[in-house]
C-alpha atoms as a PDB file:
ATOM      1  CA  MET A   1    -176.701 142.465 131.299  1.00  0.00           C
ATOM      2  CA  ALA A   2    -174.043 141.696 133.910  1.00  0.00           C
ATOM      3  CA  SER A   3    -171.985 144.643 135.075  1.00  0.00           C
ATOM      4  CA  PRO A   4    -169.506 143.578 137.797  1.00  0.00           C
ATOM      5  CA  GLN A   5    -168.239 146.420 139.958  1.00  0.00           C
ATOM      6  CA  LYS A   6    -165.354 146.336 142.398  1.00  0.00           C
ATOM      7  CA  GLU A   7    -167.545 148.244 144.856  1.00  0.00           C
ATOM      8  CA  ASN A   8    -169.847 145.206 145.048  1.00  0.00           C
ATOM      9  CA  GLY A   9    -167.052 143.059 146.430  1.00  0.00           C
ATOM     10  CA  TYR A  10    -163.672 141.790 145.280  1.00  0.00           C
ATOM     11  CA  THR A  11    -161.063 139.133 146.066  1.00  0.00           C
ATOM     12  CA  ALA A  12    -157.745 140.566 147.201  1.00  0.00           C
ATOM     13  CA  ILE A  13    -154.837 138.500 145.886  1.00  0.00           C
ATOM     14  CA  ALA A  14    -151.232 139.636 146.035  1.00  0.00           C
ATOM     15  CA  ASN A  15    -149.676 140.406 142.649  1.00  0.00           C
ATOM     16  CA  GLU A  16    -146.805 138.079 143.499  1.00  0.00           C
ATOM     17  CA  THR A  17    -149.297 135.245 143.957  1.00  0.00           C
ATOM     18  CA  MET A  18    -151.015 136.005 140.642  1.00  0.00           C
ATOM     19  CA  GLU A  19    -147.659 136.024 138.878  1.00  0.00           C
ATOM     20  CA  ALA A  20    -146.799 132.644 140.411  1.00  0.00           C
ATOM     21  CA  LEU A  21    -150.156 131.197 139.309  1.00  0.00           C
ATOM     22  CA  ALA A  22    -149.547 132.459 135.779  1.00  0.00           C
ATOM     23  CA  LYS A  23    -146.337 130.423 135.610  1.00  0.00           C
ATOM     24  CA  ILE A  24    -147.693 127.071 136.759  1.00  0.00           C
ATOM     25  CA  ARG A  25    -149.666 124.711 134.509  1.00  0.00           C
ATOM     26  CA  ILE A  26    -152.919 123.701 136.205  1.00  0.00           C
ATOM     27  CA  PRO A  27    -155.514 121.556 134.356  1.00  0.00           C
ATOM     28  CA  GLY A  28    -158.819 123.319 133.644  1.00  0.00           C
ATOM     29  CA  VAL A  29    -161.006 121.520 136.209  1.00  0.00           C
ATOM     30  CA  GLU A  30    -158.387 121.973 138.935  1.00  0.00           C
ATOM     31  CA  ARG A  31    -158.109 125.671 138.101  1.00  0.00           C
ATOM     32  CA  GLN A  32    -161.907 126.074 138.367  1.00  0.00           C
ATOM     33  CA  CYS A  33    -161.838 124.538 141.839  1.00  0.00           C
ATOM     34  CA  LEU A  34    -158.838 126.661 142.835  1.00  0.00           C
ATOM     35  CA  ASP A  35    -160.614 129.840 141.741  1.00  0.00           C
ATOM     36  CA  PHE A  36    -163.626 128.832 143.835  1.00  0.00           C
ATOM     37  CA  ILE A  37    -161.372 128.195 146.855  1.00  0.00           C
ATOM     38  CA  LEU A  38    -159.816 131.650 146.474  1.00  0.00           C
ATOM     39  CA  ARG A  39    -163.288 133.166 146.248  1.00  0.00           C
ATOM     40  CA  LYS A  40    -164.450 131.376 149.417  1.00  0.00           C
ATOM     41  CA  THR A  41    -161.321 132.253 151.398  1.00  0.00           C
ATOM     42  CA  TYR A  42    -159.565 135.409 150.217  1.00  0.00           C
ATOM     43  CA  GLY A  43    -162.885 136.691 148.903  1.00  0.00           C
ATOM     44  CA  PHE A  44    -164.133 136.772 152.497  1.00  0.00           C
ATOM     45  CA  ASN A  45    -160.795 137.889 153.975  1.00  0.00           C
ATOM     46  CA  LYS A  46    -160.211 134.399 155.382  1.00  0.00           C
ATOM     47  CA  LYS A  47    -157.128 132.207 155.291  1.00  0.00           C
ATOM     48  CA  SER A  48    -159.169 128.990 155.093  1.00  0.00           C
ATOM     49  CA  ASP A  49    -162.770 127.822 154.979  1.00  0.00           C
ATOM     50  CA  ILE A  50    -164.843 124.661 155.435  1.00  0.00           C
ATOM     51  CA  ILE A  51    -166.129 123.904 151.935  1.00  0.00           C
ATOM     52  CA  ALA A  52    -168.444 120.986 151.151  1.00  0.00           C
ATOM     53  CA  LEU A  53    -168.540 119.228 147.775  1.00  0.00           C
ATOM     54  CA  ALA A  54    -172.101 120.514 147.328  1.00  0.00           C
ATOM     55  CA  GLN A  55    -170.752 124.070 147.496  1.00  0.00           C
ATOM     56  CA  PHE A  56    -168.111 123.286 144.879  1.00  0.00           C
ATOM     57  CA  GLU A  57    -170.773 121.687 142.713  1.00  0.00           C
ATOM     58  CA  LYS A  58    -172.984 124.764 142.864  1.00  0.00           C
ATOM     59  CA  GLY A  59    -170.125 127.247 142.509  1.00  0.00           C
ATOM     60  CA  THR A  60    -168.339 125.562 139.595  1.00  0.00           C
ATOM     61  CA  GLY A  61    -171.066 123.614 137.801  1.00  0.00           C
ATOM     62  CA  LEU A  62    -168.842 120.520 137.904  1.00  0.00           C
ATOM     63  CA  ARG A  63    -169.816 117.016 138.994  1.00  0.00           C
ATOM     64  CA  LYS A  64    -168.730 115.823 142.438  1.00  0.00           C
ATOM     65  CA  GLN A  65    -166.457 113.060 141.162  1.00  0.00           C
ATOM     66  CA  HIS A  66    -164.590 115.567 138.970  1.00  0.00           C
ATOM     67  CA  ILE A  67    -164.328 117.984 141.889  1.00  0.00           C
ATOM     68  CA  SER A  68    -162.891 115.298 144.179  1.00  0.00           C
ATOM     69  CA  ARG A  69    -160.308 114.364 141.561  1.00  0.00           C
ATOM     70  CA  ALA A  70    -159.390 118.013 141.016  1.00  0.00           C
ATOM     71  CA  LEU A  71    -158.909 118.604 144.738  1.00  0.00           C
ATOM     72  CA  ARG A  72    -156.612 115.588 144.937  1.00  0.00           C
ATOM     73  CA  GLY A  73    -154.644 117.033 142.049  1.00  0.00           C
ATOM     74  CA  LEU A  74    -154.265 120.428 143.721  1.00  0.00           C
ATOM     75  CA  LEU A  75    -153.305 118.725 146.965  1.00  0.00           C
ATOM     76  CA  SER A  76    -150.637 116.619 145.241  1.00  0.00           C
ATOM     77  CA  LYS A  77    -149.162 119.800 143.749  1.00  0.00           C
ATOM     78  CA  LYS A  78    -149.153 121.362 147.250  1.00  0.00           C
ATOM     79  CA  ILE A  79    -151.193 124.320 145.988  1.00  0.00           C
ATOM     80  CA  ILE A  80    -153.818 123.728 148.672  1.00  0.00           C
ATOM     81  CA  LYS A  81    -153.967 122.150 152.121  1.00  0.00           C
ATOM     82  CA  ILE A  82    -156.939 120.031 153.269  1.00  0.00           C
ATOM     83  CA  THR A  83    -157.791 119.175 156.875  1.00  0.00           C
ATOM     84  CA  ASN A  84    -160.593 116.857 158.029  1.00  0.00           C
ATOM     85  CA  ILE A  85    -162.898 118.458 160.612  1.00  0.00           C
ATOM     86  CA  GLY A  86    -164.536 115.795 162.768  1.00  0.00           C
ATOM     87  CA  ASN A  87    -167.784 114.467 161.280  1.00  0.00           C
ATOM     88  CA  LYS A  88    -168.634 117.597 159.337  1.00  0.00           C
ATOM     89  CA  THR A  89    -169.525 117.117 155.669  1.00  0.00           C
ATOM     90  CA  GLY A  90    -167.018 119.719 154.524  1.00  0.00           C
ATOM     91  CA  LYS A  91    -163.263 119.902 154.916  1.00  0.00           C
ATOM     92  CA  LEU A  92    -161.069 122.796 155.948  1.00  0.00           C
ATOM     93  CA  ILE A  93    -159.354 123.981 152.789  1.00  0.00           C
ATOM     94  CA  GLU A  94    -156.535 126.507 152.624  1.00  0.00           C
ATOM     95  CA  PHE A  95    -154.655 128.013 149.687  1.00  0.00           C
ATOM     96  CA  ASN A  96    -150.891 127.555 150.064  1.00  0.00           C
ATOM     97  CA  LYS A  97    -149.459 131.004 149.331  1.00  0.00           C
ATOM     98  CA  TYR A  98    -145.870 129.783 149.620  1.00  0.00           C
ATOM     99  CA  TYR A  99    -145.567 129.150 145.891  1.00  0.00           C
ATOM    100  CA  LYS A 100    -141.945 128.013 146.016  1.00  0.00           C
ATOM    101  CA  THR A 101    -143.180 124.812 147.690  1.00  0.00           C
ATOM    102  CA  TRP A 102    -145.605 124.031 144.843  1.00  0.00           C
ATOM    103  CA  GLU A 103    -144.865 120.998 142.708  1.00  0.00           C
ATOM    104  CA  PRO A 104    -145.820 121.800 139.081  1.00  0.00           C
ATOM    105  CA  LEU A 105    -146.806 119.310 136.396  1.00  0.00           C
ATOM    106  CA  PRO A 106    -144.045 118.045 134.104  1.00  0.00           C
ATOM    107  CA  LYS A 107    -143.665 119.603 130.675  1.00  0.00           C
ATOM    108  CA  LYS A 108    -146.798 118.954 128.639  1.00  0.00           C
ATOM    109  CA  ILE A 109    -146.605 115.948 126.327  1.00  0.00           C
ATOM    110  CA  THR A 110    -148.797 116.105 123.225  1.00  0.00           C
ATOM    111  CA  LEU A 111    -150.289 113.211 121.319  1.00  0.00           C
ATOM    112  CA  PRO A 112    -149.245 112.527 117.726  1.00  0.00           C
ATOM    113  CA  ILE A 113    -151.128 114.561 115.125  1.00  0.00           C
ATOM    114  CA  LYS A 114    -151.612 111.600 112.807  1.00  0.00           C
ATOM    115  CA  VAL A 115    -152.768 108.055 113.468  1.00  0.00           C
ATOM    116  CA  LYS A 116    -152.445 104.912 111.436  1.00  0.00           C
ATOM    117  CA  VAL A 117    -155.332 102.589 110.651  1.00  0.00           C
ATOM    118  CA  VAL A 118    -154.446  99.109 109.434  1.00  0.00           C
ATOM    119  CA  THR A 119    -156.239  98.135 106.229  1.00  0.00           C
ATOM    120  CA  ASN A 120    -156.145  95.164 103.930  1.00  0.00           C
ATOM    121  CA  LYS A 121    -154.399  97.349 101.362  1.00  0.00           C
ATOM    122  CA  GLY A 122    -151.736  98.822 103.590  1.00  0.00           C
ATOM    123  CA  ASN A 123    -151.503 101.751 105.995  1.00  0.00           C
ATOM    124  CA  ARG A 124    -153.257 105.046 105.465  1.00  0.00           C
ATOM    125  CA  SER A 125    -152.554 108.210 107.496  1.00  0.00           C
ATOM    126  CA  LEU A 126    -155.539 109.991 109.023  1.00  0.00           C
ATOM    127  CA  PRO A 127    -155.546 113.375 110.808  1.00  0.00           C
ATOM    128  CA  LEU A 128    -156.748 112.988 114.392  1.00  0.00           C
ATOM    129  CA  LEU A 129    -159.153 115.909 114.208  1.00  0.00           C
ATOM    130  CA  GLY A 130    -159.830 115.880 110.477  1.00  0.00           C
ATOM    131  CA  THR A 131    -163.038 115.020 108.655  1.00  0.00           C
ATOM    132  CA  THR A 132    -161.814 111.998 106.680  1.00  0.00           C
ATOM    133  CA  LYS A 133    -163.837 108.866 107.450  1.00  0.00           C
ATOM    134  CA  VAL A 134    -162.469 105.344 107.792  1.00  0.00           C
ATOM    135  CA  ASP A 135    -163.697 102.919 105.143  1.00  0.00           C
ATOM    136  CA  SER A 136    -165.310 100.241 107.312  1.00  0.00           C
ATOM    137  CA  THR A 137    -164.954  97.611 104.593  1.00  0.00           C
ATOM    138  CA  LYS A 138    -161.159  97.814 104.629  1.00  0.00           C
ATOM    139  CA  VAL A 139    -160.293  97.775 108.345  1.00  0.00           C
ATOM    140  CA  ASP A 140    -159.206  94.381 109.637  1.00  0.00           C
ATOM    141  CA  ILE A 141    -159.528  94.801 113.397  1.00  0.00           C
ATOM    142  CA  THR A 142    -159.537  91.075 114.152  1.00  0.00           C
ATOM    143  CA  LYS A 143    -155.767  90.954 113.628  1.00  0.00           C
ATOM    144  CA  VAL A 144    -155.274  93.857 116.074  1.00  0.00           C
ATOM    145  CA  ASN A 145    -151.996  94.746 114.383  1.00  0.00           C
ATOM    146  CA  THR A 146    -150.072  97.558 116.061  1.00  0.00           C
ATOM    147  CA  THR A 147    -147.765  99.791 114.028  1.00  0.00           C
ATOM    148  CA  SER A 148    -144.914 101.727 115.619  1.00  0.00           C
ATOM    149  CA  GLU A 149    -146.943 104.936 115.219  1.00  0.00           C
ATOM    150  CA  GLU A 150    -149.936 103.413 117.012  1.00  0.00           C
ATOM    151  CA  LYS A 151    -147.769 102.407 119.953  1.00  0.00           C
ATOM    152  CA  ASN A 152    -147.463 106.103 120.768  1.00  0.00           C
ATOM    153  CA  HIS A 153    -151.133 106.835 120.044  1.00  0.00           C
ATOM    154  CA  ILE A 154    -152.895 105.646 123.164  1.00  0.00           C
ATOM    155  CA  PRO A 155    -156.483 106.757 122.274  1.00  0.00           C
ATOM    156  CA  LEU A 156    -156.380 104.782 119.017  1.00  0.00           C
ATOM    157  CA  ARG A 157    -155.005 101.688 120.722  1.00  0.00           C
ATOM    158  CA  LEU A 158    -157.725 101.861 123.378  1.00  0.00           C
ATOM    159  CA  SER A 159    -160.352 102.338 120.651  1.00  0.00           C
ATOM    160  CA  LYS A 160    -159.137  99.257 118.797  1.00  0.00           C
ATOM    161  CA  LYS A 161    -159.060  97.274 122.032  1.00  0.00           C
ATOM    162  CA  LEU A 162    -162.669  98.201 122.807  1.00  0.00           C
ATOM    163  CA  PHE A 163    -163.846  97.153 119.355  1.00  0.00           C
ATOM    164  CA  SER A 164    -161.868  93.903 119.379  1.00  0.00           C
ATOM    165  CA  LEU A 165    -163.700  92.894 122.576  1.00  0.00           C
ATOM    166  CA  ILE A 166    -167.052  94.007 121.153  1.00  0.00           C
ATOM    167  CA  LEU A 167    -166.286  91.856 118.116  1.00  0.00           C
ATOM    168  CA  GLN A 168    -165.681  88.840 120.348  1.00  0.00           C
ATOM    169  CA  ASN A 169    -169.195  89.261 121.765  1.00  0.00           C
ATOM    170  CA  ASP A 170    -170.784  90.014 118.389  1.00  0.00           C
ATOM    171  CA  SER A 171    -168.957  88.830 115.276  1.00  0.00           C
ATOM    172  CA  LYS A 172    -171.308  90.920 113.087  1.00  0.00           C
ATOM    173  CA  ALA A 173    -170.558  94.212 114.859  1.00  0.00           C
ATOM    174  CA  LYS A 174    -170.073  97.055 112.379  1.00  0.00           C
ATOM    175  CA  THR A 175    -166.557  98.469 112.210  1.00  0.00           C
ATOM    176  CA  PRO A 176    -166.597 101.989 113.707  1.00  0.00           C
ATOM    177  CA  ASN A 177    -164.930 105.222 112.697  1.00  0.00           C
ATOM    178  CA  PHE A 178    -161.746 104.839 114.760  1.00  0.00           C
ATOM    179  CA  GLU A 179    -160.880 108.470 114.180  1.00  0.00           C
ATOM    180  CA  LYS A 180    -164.049 109.555 116.018  1.00  0.00           C
ATOM    181  CA  TRP A 181    -163.538 106.930 118.729  1.00  0.00           C
ATOM    182  CA  SER A 182    -159.969 108.162 119.257  1.00  0.00           C
ATOM    183  CA  GLU A 183    -161.265 111.717 119.735  1.00  0.00           C
ATOM    184  CA  ASP A 184    -163.733 110.551 122.409  1.00  0.00           C
ATOM    185  CA  ILE A 185    -161.076 108.614 124.318  1.00  0.00           C
ATOM    186  CA  GLU A 186    -158.584 111.478 123.963  1.00  0.00           C
ATOM    187  CA  LYS A 187    -161.180 113.692 125.688  1.00  0.00           C
ATOM    188  CA  LEU A 188    -161.635 111.056 128.372  1.00  0.00           C
ATOM    189  CA  ILE A 189    -157.901 111.363 129.091  1.00  0.00           C
ATOM    190  CA  ARG A 190    -157.376 115.098 128.556  1.00  0.00           C
ATOM    191  CA  ILE A 191    -160.640 116.594 129.863  1.00  0.00           C
ATOM    192  CA  ASP A 192    -161.927 113.941 132.298  1.00  0.00           C
ATOM    193  CA  HIS A 193    -158.423 113.186 133.629  1.00  0.00           C
ATOM    194  CA  ARG A 194    -158.713 109.396 133.312  1.00  0.00           C
ATOM    195  CA  THR A 195    -155.508 107.408 132.919  1.00  0.00           C
ATOM    196  CA  PRO A 196    -154.989 104.861 130.106  1.00  0.00           C
ATOM    197  CA  ASP A 197    -154.824 102.088 132.713  1.00  0.00           C
ATOM    198  CA  GLU A 198    -158.186 103.117 134.172  1.00  0.00           C
ATOM    199  CA  ILE A 199    -159.793 103.214 130.736  1.00  0.00           C
ATOM    200  CA  TYR A 200    -158.282  99.859 129.755  1.00  0.00           C
ATOM    201  CA  HIS A 201    -159.541  98.159 132.924  1.00  0.00           C
ATOM    202  CA  VAL A 202    -163.058  99.562 132.475  1.00  0.00           C
ATOM    203  CA  ILE A 203    -163.121  98.443 128.830  1.00  0.00           C
ATOM    204  CA  GLN A 204    -162.145  94.931 129.936  1.00  0.00           C
ATOM    205  CA  TRP A 205    -164.803  94.886 132.649  1.00  0.00           C
ATOM    206  CA  THR A 206    -167.684  96.230 130.537  1.00  0.00           C
ATOM    207  CA  GLN A 207    -167.191  93.637 127.815  1.00  0.00           C
ATOM    208  CA  GLN A 208    -167.247  90.830 130.389  1.00  0.00           C
ATOM    209  CA  ASP A 209    -170.341  92.107 132.193  1.00  0.00           C
ATOM    210  CA  ASP A 210    -173.645  90.664 130.933  1.00  0.00           C
ATOM    211  CA  PHE A 211    -175.476  93.998 131.150  1.00  0.00           C
ATOM    212  CA  TRP A 212    -172.844  96.513 130.090  1.00  0.00           C
ATOM    213  CA  LYS A 213    -171.416  94.576 127.137  1.00  0.00           C
ATOM    214  CA  SER A 214    -174.701  95.189 125.285  1.00  0.00           C
ATOM    215  CA  ASN A 215    -174.755  98.877 126.263  1.00  0.00           C
ATOM    216  CA  ILE A 216    -171.155 100.050 125.849  1.00  0.00           C
ATOM    217  CA  LEU A 217    -170.786  99.724 122.093  1.00  0.00           C
ATOM    218  CA  SER A 218    -168.913 102.947 121.314  1.00  0.00           C
ATOM    219  CA  ALA A 219    -166.203 105.186 122.734  1.00  0.00           C
ATOM    220  CA  SER A 220    -168.697 108.030 123.222  1.00  0.00           C
ATOM    221  CA  LYS A 221    -170.938 105.790 125.341  1.00  0.00           C
ATOM    222  CA  LEU A 222    -167.886 104.645 127.294  1.00  0.00           C
ATOM    223  CA  ARG A 223    -167.003 108.250 128.110  1.00  0.00           C
ATOM    224  CA  GLU A 224    -170.593 109.172 128.991  1.00  0.00           C
ATOM    225  CA  GLN A 225    -170.985 106.295 131.463  1.00  0.00           C
ATOM    226  CA  PHE A 226    -167.376 106.147 132.683  1.00  0.00           C
ATOM    227  CA  PRO A 227    -167.835 107.500 136.249  1.00  0.00           C
ATOM    228  CA  GLN A 228    -170.380 104.856 137.229  1.00  0.00           C
ATOM    229  CA  LEU A 229    -168.600 102.129 135.245  1.00  0.00           C
ATOM    230  CA  TRP A 230    -165.389 102.861 137.146  1.00  0.00           C
ATOM    231  CA  LEU A 231    -167.172 102.615 140.494  1.00  0.00           C
ATOM    232  CA  LYS A 232    -169.004  99.396 139.586  1.00  0.00           C
ATOM    233  CA  ALA A 233    -165.890  97.734 138.176  1.00  0.00           C
ATOM    234  CA  ASN A 234    -163.864  98.526 141.302  1.00  0.00           C
ATOM    235  CA  LYS A 235    -166.680  97.445 143.604  1.00  0.00           C
ATOM    236  CA  GLN A 236    -166.980  94.093 141.846  1.00  0.00           C
ATOM    237  CA  ASN A 237    -163.223  93.546 141.755  1.00  0.00           C
ATOM    238  CA  LYS A 238    -162.969  94.224 145.498  1.00  0.00           C
ATOM    239  CA  ALA A 239    -165.894  91.862 146.173  1.00  0.00           C
ATOM    240  CA  ASN A 240    -164.092  89.162 144.191  1.00  0.00           C
ATOM    241  CA  GLY A 241    -160.846  89.781 146.010  1.00  0.00           C
ATOM    242  CA  GLY A 242    -159.235  91.294 142.925  1.00  0.00           C
ATOM    243  CA  ASN A 243    -159.404  90.091 139.335  1.00  0.00           C
ATOM    244  CA  LYS A 244    -156.157  88.358 138.388  1.00  0.00           C
ATOM    245  CA  ASN A 245    -157.131  88.454 134.719  1.00  0.00           C
ATOM    246  CA  VAL A 246    -157.047  92.251 134.638  1.00  0.00           C
ATOM    247  CA  PRO A 247    -153.603  93.486 133.488  1.00  0.00           C
ATOM    248  CA  THR A 248    -151.601  95.648 135.846  1.00  0.00           C
ATOM    249  CA  SER A 249    -150.355  97.808 133.021  1.00  0.00           C
ATOM    250  CA  PHE A 250    -152.064  98.838 129.813  1.00  0.00           C
ATOM    251  CA  ALA A 251    -148.700  99.350 128.103  1.00  0.00           C
ATOM    252  CA  GLU A 252    -147.369  95.928 129.123  1.00  0.00           C
ATOM    253  CA  LYS A 253    -150.574  94.130 128.102  1.00  0.00           C
ATOM    254  CA  GLU A 254    -150.779  95.580 124.630  1.00  0.00           C
ATOM    255  CA  TYR A 255    -147.278  94.732 123.416  1.00  0.00           C
ATOM    256  CA  THR A 256    -143.760  94.031 124.628  1.00  0.00           C
ATOM    257  CA  GLY A 257    -140.880  96.427 124.355  1.00  0.00           C
ATOM    258  CA  THR A 258    -142.885  99.486 125.354  1.00  0.00           C
ATOM    259  CA  PRO A 259    -141.189 102.721 124.187  1.00  0.00           C
ATOM    260  CA  ALA A 260    -139.671 104.832 126.964  1.00  0.00           C
ATOM    261  CA  GLU A 261    -141.750 107.773 125.754  1.00  0.00           C
ATOM    262  CA  GLU A 262    -144.994 105.969 126.539  1.00  0.00           C
ATOM    263  CA  ILE A 263    -143.842 104.671 129.901  1.00  0.00           C
ATOM    264  CA  GLY A 264    -142.998 108.254 130.830  1.00  0.00           C
ATOM    265  CA  TRP A 265    -146.388 109.431 129.597  1.00  0.00           C
ATOM    266  CA  LEU A 266    -148.218 106.813 131.628  1.00  0.00           C
ATOM    267  CA  ASN A 267    -146.249 107.601 134.772  1.00  0.00           C
ATOM    268  CA  LYS A 268    -146.931 111.338 134.476  1.00  0.00           C
ATOM    269  CA  ASN A 269    -150.651 110.844 133.931  1.00  0.00           C
END
């Protein structure tokens, strides 16, 4: 049984710093990386330290691509400073104790609690995290109708877009549970820190790729494979000199007259 003791070592952090950290909203993965930085610097009575991604990976249990994204997030908020050191694998990382220079995230914007699924018999409200299942015989996805409520529910819209493309490749594809798909894509945004534009572009690419269109047949599979899909899609687009058929904005592609609320959400994420 673990029994941590201060006598076995501790990280000295000023109370003023702790109070400042308690007032700023930092996403979970970024906070894990920040805690590890504090451990590697203040924990050894150092102002900064050269920390490689492999060290972060071992110390946090996170994957390297998530660590890199988290470090960029902390850097953009001016909570840390990063300096390249020649050809060394690690970078010099320093915690910025001058908290008045930090740039916090905007006020948190939550997704709607309910979603709408278009059926042949009208609209039916479904709780996002409830247990109610969608009747697959009643959903008419081929029309890809978008209600005003769905315009503000990005995970559902992305789910319907994925299935509409799957349906183009296989007209006999079974209609999914869009409630479950929306949960998976919501996690891709909230936990994995992927933007709606990134997800939309990867969905487009997978359903045009001969290999991946037969493998990415659900939102859960999309989330599971997303890191490598993102890399492959970007690599191919760069090799082709950019794909002009890929939309520059998820919001603009899906419908005209995008609500200001969604534009703000996209810009902040």
